[in-house]
Structure formats: structure tokens, C-alpha cells
Amino acid sequence: MSQSEFSTAERQAGDTLGKPNAWTKQLVQKWESGMLILIALPGFSSMVQVARMAVRNLLPSCPRIDDAVLIVSEFTTSSVRHSTSRGVRFELALDVNPGHLRIEVRDGGPFGYPPPAPLAAPSFPTQPWTTLYDEDQQRNRAAEVEEYGLGLALINAACDRWGTSRYPDHAVWWAELAW
């Protein structure tokens, strides 16, 4: 795709600042028959915000959008922080039907115990976003001890049902919302 074609396609796709556009409004019209949206993202903490914005853009008229965004934020943060998807990739699935939304996040499954030590410093930045080494150096691990465990309590309060399925090579976290 040439630069001019990309720019045209980007303009047609609409606003990138979190506002619904004509394309996302057309998706909402397809809710009558149901719709499955699959998104694969790199396993970096900067992608949690991308996942939140995707949900907000793709489901603009969902009556429980704030709950959906909170759940996606918690699941994807957990995937990036506590699974083998960290630095690799995780997948977000939104199963949209009239009056019902199922959110699934598939990650690489849990780390073995004990968790791995922070990564060694790379010889040069390999990605345009923050490297995992930089993230590890900036983390306040003592403060995180107090934070852990609250995400699942938030998910429990925000959704109607939730759970997890573990497999040898991955895990799937899911939540369901009805309205």
C-alpha cells in the first residue's frame, strides 16, 4: 500500500482520538445478527490503552461501555504483567450480540514460579515504545504488592459473569455483560 493510499484509507477509517466514526457506526448496525471482533496486540503495557480505545471505538452505543472498558483494561494489564504474553502478544475478542457482550483475552498463560527476573538491558532500543527493560526499571515493586488482587475484584463488580480457562500453552480470561 502506497503512502497516499494509506493516508486515504486512514482518513476513511476516521478519527484516531477515540471518537466514533462512520465505520464504527456501521458496525453497531450489525449487532442485530451478532458480531465477533478479534484483535491481536503486542504484549507491551502501552497496548493496554490501545485495547481500551479499540473497545470504546468499536462499541460506541453499548449501554455498559464503561464496564467493558474497565474489564478490558484489567484483563489486558494482567496479561501483559503476569503472563508469558509479556513482550510477545495477547488477543482480545469481543463477541457482540443484541443485549449481550462477551469479552475474552487470550494470553500465553502464567509464568512458572518464581516469576522471571527482569530482562537484561538491550544493546539498543528494539521497539518504538518503552522496552521491557525500561518498564522493569521504572516499576515500584513495593507499591505493586498492595495493588495486586484488586483487578479481579473490579471485574467481579463490573460484570455479570467472569472466569478463566487454562490450557497447557495459553489461558483465556472472559467476562460477560448483559443489558
Foldseek 3Di string as FASTA:
>chain_A
DDPVVVVVVVVVCHDPPLDADPVLVVLVVPQAVKDKDKDKDQLELVCLVVQLSVLCHNPVPPPLNVLVSLLSSLVSVCQCPFAPSPRPMKMWMWTHHVQKIKIKIKHFGGADPPHDDQDDDDPDDPDPDDDSNNVVVPDDVVVVVVVPPVSVVSNVVSADDWDKDDDPGMIMTMTMHGD
